[in-house]
């Protein structure tokens, strides 16, 4: 399934945040964080859910995740 999404991303827009959430749910933390970084670089509007979306719960203890929250000024 993810292979098809990545193929589609080569020909049309696919939200990097969405791909990151897929990797997070699958337990692939490094890939999820890489895709979240891409989402940040591309100013993906769905990043507004970064702090609260339950699909990303597995990432909450990761330093890279916390740093991204801080960059976005979402860390309290």
N, C-alpha and C. Protein backbone atom coordinates (compact mmCIF):
# COMPACT_ATOMS: atom_id res chain seq x y z
N UNK A 1 0.82 -1.19 0.00
CA UNK A 1 0.00 0.00 0.00
C UNK A 1 0.87 1.26 0.00
N UNK A 2 1.86 1.31 0.89
CA UNK A 2 2.72 2.50 0.94
C UNK A 2 3.49 2.67 -0.36
N UNK A 3 3.88 1.58 -1.00
CA UNK A 3 4.58 1.68 -2.28
C UNK A 3 3.73 2.43 -3.31
N UNK A 4 2.44 2.13 -3.33
CA UNK A 4 1.54 2.81 -4.27
C UNK A 4 1.42 4.29 -3.94
N UNK A 5 1.33 4.62 -2.67
CA UNK A 5 1.25 6.03 -2.26
C UNK A 5 2.51 6.77 -2.69
N UNK A 6 3.66 6.16 -2.50
CA UNK A 6 4.91 6.80 -2.89
C UNK A 6 5.02 6.95 -4.41
N UNK A 7 4.49 5.99 -5.16
CA UNK A 7 4.46 6.13 -6.62
C UNK A 7 3.56 7.30 -7.02
N UNK A 8 2.42 7.39 -6.37
CA UNK A 8 1.51 8.50 -6.67
C UNK A 8 2.14 9.85 -6.33
N UNK A 9 2.92 9.88 -5.28
CA UNK A 9 3.58 11.13 -4.86
C UNK A 9 4.55 11.64 -5.91
N UNK A 10 5.00 10.77 -6.79
CA UNK A 10 5.91 11.20 -7.85
C UNK A 10 5.18 11.92 -8.98
N UNK A 11 3.85 11.71 -9.07
CA UNK A 11 3.12 12.32 -10.18
C UNK A 11 2.07 13.35 -9.72
N UNK A 12 1.74 13.34 -8.44
CA UNK A 12 0.78 14.31 -7.91
C UNK A 12 1.09 14.55 -6.45
N UNK A 13 0.48 15.59 -5.90
CA UNK A 13 0.76 15.92 -4.51
C UNK A 13 0.15 14.88 -3.58
N UNK A 14 0.98 14.41 -2.68
CA UNK A 14 0.55 13.57 -1.56
C UNK A 14 1.14 14.21 -0.32
N UNK A 15 0.32 14.45 0.66
CA UNK A 15 0.76 15.14 1.87
C UNK A 15 1.87 14.37 2.59
N UNK A 16 3.03 15.00 2.78
CA UNK A 16 4.09 14.35 3.54
C UNK A 16 3.65 14.05 4.98
N UNK A 17 2.76 14.87 5.52
CA UNK A 17 2.23 14.62 6.86
C UNK A 17 1.46 13.30 6.87
N UNK A 18 0.66 13.07 5.85
CA UNK A 18 -0.09 11.82 5.75
C UNK A 18 0.81 10.62 5.69
N UNK A 19 1.88 10.72 4.91
CA UNK A 19 2.84 9.63 4.80
C UNK A 19 3.54 9.43 6.15
N UNK A 20 3.85 10.52 6.81
CA UNK A 20 4.48 10.43 8.14
C UNK A 20 3.57 9.72 9.12
N UNK A 21 2.28 10.05 9.09
CA UNK A 21 1.36 9.41 10.04
C UNK A 21 1.24 7.92 9.76
N UNK A 22 1.29 7.53 8.50
CA UNK A 22 1.28 6.11 8.16
C UNK A 22 2.50 5.41 8.77
N UNK A 23 3.67 6.00 8.60
CA UNK A 23 4.89 5.41 9.16
C UNK A 23 4.84 5.36 10.69
N UNK A 24 4.28 6.39 11.29
CA UNK A 24 4.17 6.40 12.76
C UNK A 24 3.30 5.25 13.24
N UNK A 25 2.16 5.05 12.61
CA UNK A 25 1.26 3.96 12.99
C UNK A 25 1.92 2.61 12.78
N UNK A 26 2.73 2.51 11.72
CA UNK A 26 3.43 1.26 11.42
C UNK A 26 4.63 1.04 12.35
N UNK A 27 4.97 2.04 13.16
CA UNK A 27 6.08 1.92 14.09
C UNK A 27 7.44 2.26 13.51
N UNK A 28 7.45 2.82 12.32
CA UNK A 28 8.71 3.22 11.68
C UNK A 28 9.00 4.67 12.04
N UNK A 29 9.52 4.85 13.24
CA UNK A 29 9.74 6.19 13.80
C UNK A 29 10.70 7.03 12.97
N UNK A 30 11.86 6.50 12.56
CA UNK A 30 12.77 7.35 11.77
C UNK A 30 12.13 7.85 10.46
N UNK A 31 11.42 6.98 9.76
CA UNK A 31 10.77 7.40 8.51
C UNK A 31 9.68 8.42 8.80
N UNK A 32 8.91 8.23 9.87
CA UNK A 32 7.87 9.19 10.22
C UNK A 32 8.48 10.56 10.48
N UNK A 33 9.56 10.60 11.20
CA UNK A 33 10.21 11.89 11.50
C UNK A 33 10.79 12.52 10.24
N UNK A 34 11.34 11.71 9.35
CA UNK A 34 11.86 12.25 8.08
C UNK A 34 10.73 12.89 7.27
N UNK A 35 9.59 12.21 7.20
CA UNK A 35 8.46 12.75 6.45
C UNK A 35 7.87 13.98 7.11
N UNK A 36 7.87 14.02 8.43
CA UNK A 36 7.40 15.24 9.10
C UNK A 36 8.31 16.41 8.79
N UNK A 37 9.59 16.14 8.70
CA UNK A 37 10.53 17.21 8.33
C UNK A 37 10.23 17.71 6.92
N UNK A 38 9.92 16.79 6.02
CA UNK A 38 9.54 17.20 4.66
C UNK A 38 8.26 18.02 4.68
N UNK A 39 7.31 17.60 5.51
CA UNK A 39 6.06 18.35 5.63
C UNK A 39 6.35 19.78 6.10
N UNK A 40 7.26 19.91 7.05
CA UNK A 40 7.63 21.23 7.55
C UNK A 40 8.28 22.06 6.44
N UNK A 41 9.20 21.45 5.72
CA UNK A 41 9.90 22.15 4.63
C UNK A 41 8.92 22.62 3.55
N UNK A 42 7.89 21.80 3.30
CA UNK A 42 6.90 22.12 2.26
C UNK A 42 5.73 22.94 2.79
N UNK A 43 5.78 23.28 4.08
CA UNK A 43 4.72 24.05 4.71
C UNK A 43 3.35 23.37 4.55
N UNK A 44 3.36 22.08 4.78
CA UNK A 44 2.14 21.27 4.69
C UNK A 44 1.13 21.75 5.73
N UNK A 45 -0.02 22.18 5.28
CA UNK A 45 -1.03 22.74 6.17
C UNK A 45 -1.57 21.77 7.20
N UNK A 46 -1.45 20.48 6.94
CA UNK A 46 -1.98 19.51 7.90
C UNK A 46 -1.10 19.39 9.14
N UNK A 47 0.02 20.08 9.15
CA UNK A 47 0.86 20.09 10.36
C UNK A 47 0.17 20.75 11.55
N UNK A 48 -0.95 21.42 11.30
CA UNK A 48 -1.68 22.02 12.42
C UNK A 48 -2.11 20.96 13.43
N UNK A 49 -2.18 19.69 13.00
CA UNK A 49 -2.58 18.58 13.88
C UNK A 49 -1.41 17.93 14.58
N UNK A 50 -0.22 18.40 14.33
CA UNK A 50 1.00 17.76 14.83
C UNK A 50 0.97 17.49 16.34
N UNK A 51 0.55 18.45 17.10
CA UNK A 51 0.62 18.32 18.56
C UNK A 51 -0.47 17.42 19.14
N UNK A 52 -1.57 17.24 18.44
CA UNK A 52 -2.71 16.57 19.05
C UNK A 52 -3.15 15.26 18.38
N UNK A 53 -2.71 14.99 17.17
CA UNK A 53 -3.24 13.82 16.47
C UNK A 53 -2.74 12.52 17.11
N UNK A 54 -3.66 11.62 17.46
CA UNK A 54 -3.27 10.38 18.15
C UNK A 54 -2.40 9.45 17.31
N UNK A 55 -2.45 9.57 15.99
CA UNK A 55 -1.59 8.71 15.16
C UNK A 55 -0.11 8.96 15.42
N UNK A 56 0.20 10.13 15.93
CA UNK A 56 1.60 10.49 16.16
C UNK A 56 2.04 10.26 17.60
N UNK A 57 1.21 9.64 18.40
CA UNK A 57 1.55 9.42 19.82
C UNK A 57 2.88 8.73 20.01
N UNK A 58 3.21 7.80 19.14
CA UNK A 58 4.46 7.05 19.27
C UNK A 58 5.69 7.96 19.13
N UNK A 59 5.50 9.13 18.54
CA UNK A 59 6.63 10.05 18.30
C UNK A 59 6.84 11.06 19.42
N UNK A 60 5.90 11.19 20.31
CA UNK A 60 5.93 12.28 21.28
C UNK A 60 7.17 12.32 22.17
N UNK A 61 7.77 11.20 22.45
CA UNK A 61 8.98 11.18 23.28
C UNK A 61 10.27 11.37 22.51
N UNK A 62 10.18 11.49 21.20
CA UNK A 62 11.38 11.61 20.36
C UNK A 62 11.91 13.04 20.35
N UNK A 63 13.21 13.21 20.56
CA UNK A 63 13.80 14.57 20.54
C UNK A 63 13.53 15.31 19.23
N UNK A 64 13.60 14.62 18.09
CA UNK A 64 13.36 15.28 16.80
C UNK A 64 11.92 15.79 16.72
N UNK A 65 11.00 15.05 17.27
CA UNK A 65 9.60 15.47 17.27
C UNK A 65 9.41 16.70 18.14
N UNK A 66 10.00 16.66 19.33
CA UNK A 66 9.89 17.80 20.23
C UNK A 66 10.55 19.05 19.64
N UNK A 67 11.66 18.86 18.93
CA UNK A 67 12.34 19.99 18.29
C UNK A 67 11.46 20.58 17.19
N UNK A 68 10.77 19.73 16.45
CA UNK A 68 9.87 20.23 15.41
C UNK A 68 8.72 21.01 16.04
N UNK A 69 8.16 20.50 17.12
CA UNK A 69 7.11 21.25 17.83
C UNK A 69 7.62 22.62 18.26
N UNK A 70 8.85 22.65 18.78
CA UNK A 70 9.43 23.92 19.22
C UNK A 70 9.63 24.88 18.05
N UNK A 71 10.11 24.38 16.92
CA UNK A 71 10.29 25.22 15.74
C UNK A 71 8.97 25.83 15.27
N UNK A 72 7.92 25.04 15.42
CA UNK A 72 6.60 25.51 15.01
C UNK A 72 5.90 26.32 16.09
N UNK A 73 6.58 26.47 17.22
CA UNK A 73 6.04 27.18 18.39
C UNK A 73 4.73 26.55 18.90
N UNK A 74 4.74 25.22 18.88
CA UNK A 74 3.59 24.47 19.40
C UNK A 74 3.89 23.84 20.75
N UNK A 75 5.14 23.92 21.17
CA UNK A 75 5.53 23.35 22.45
C UNK A 75 5.20 24.33 23.55
N UNK A 76 4.52 23.84 24.58
CA UNK A 76 4.14 24.75 25.67
C UNK A 76 5.16 24.73 26.78
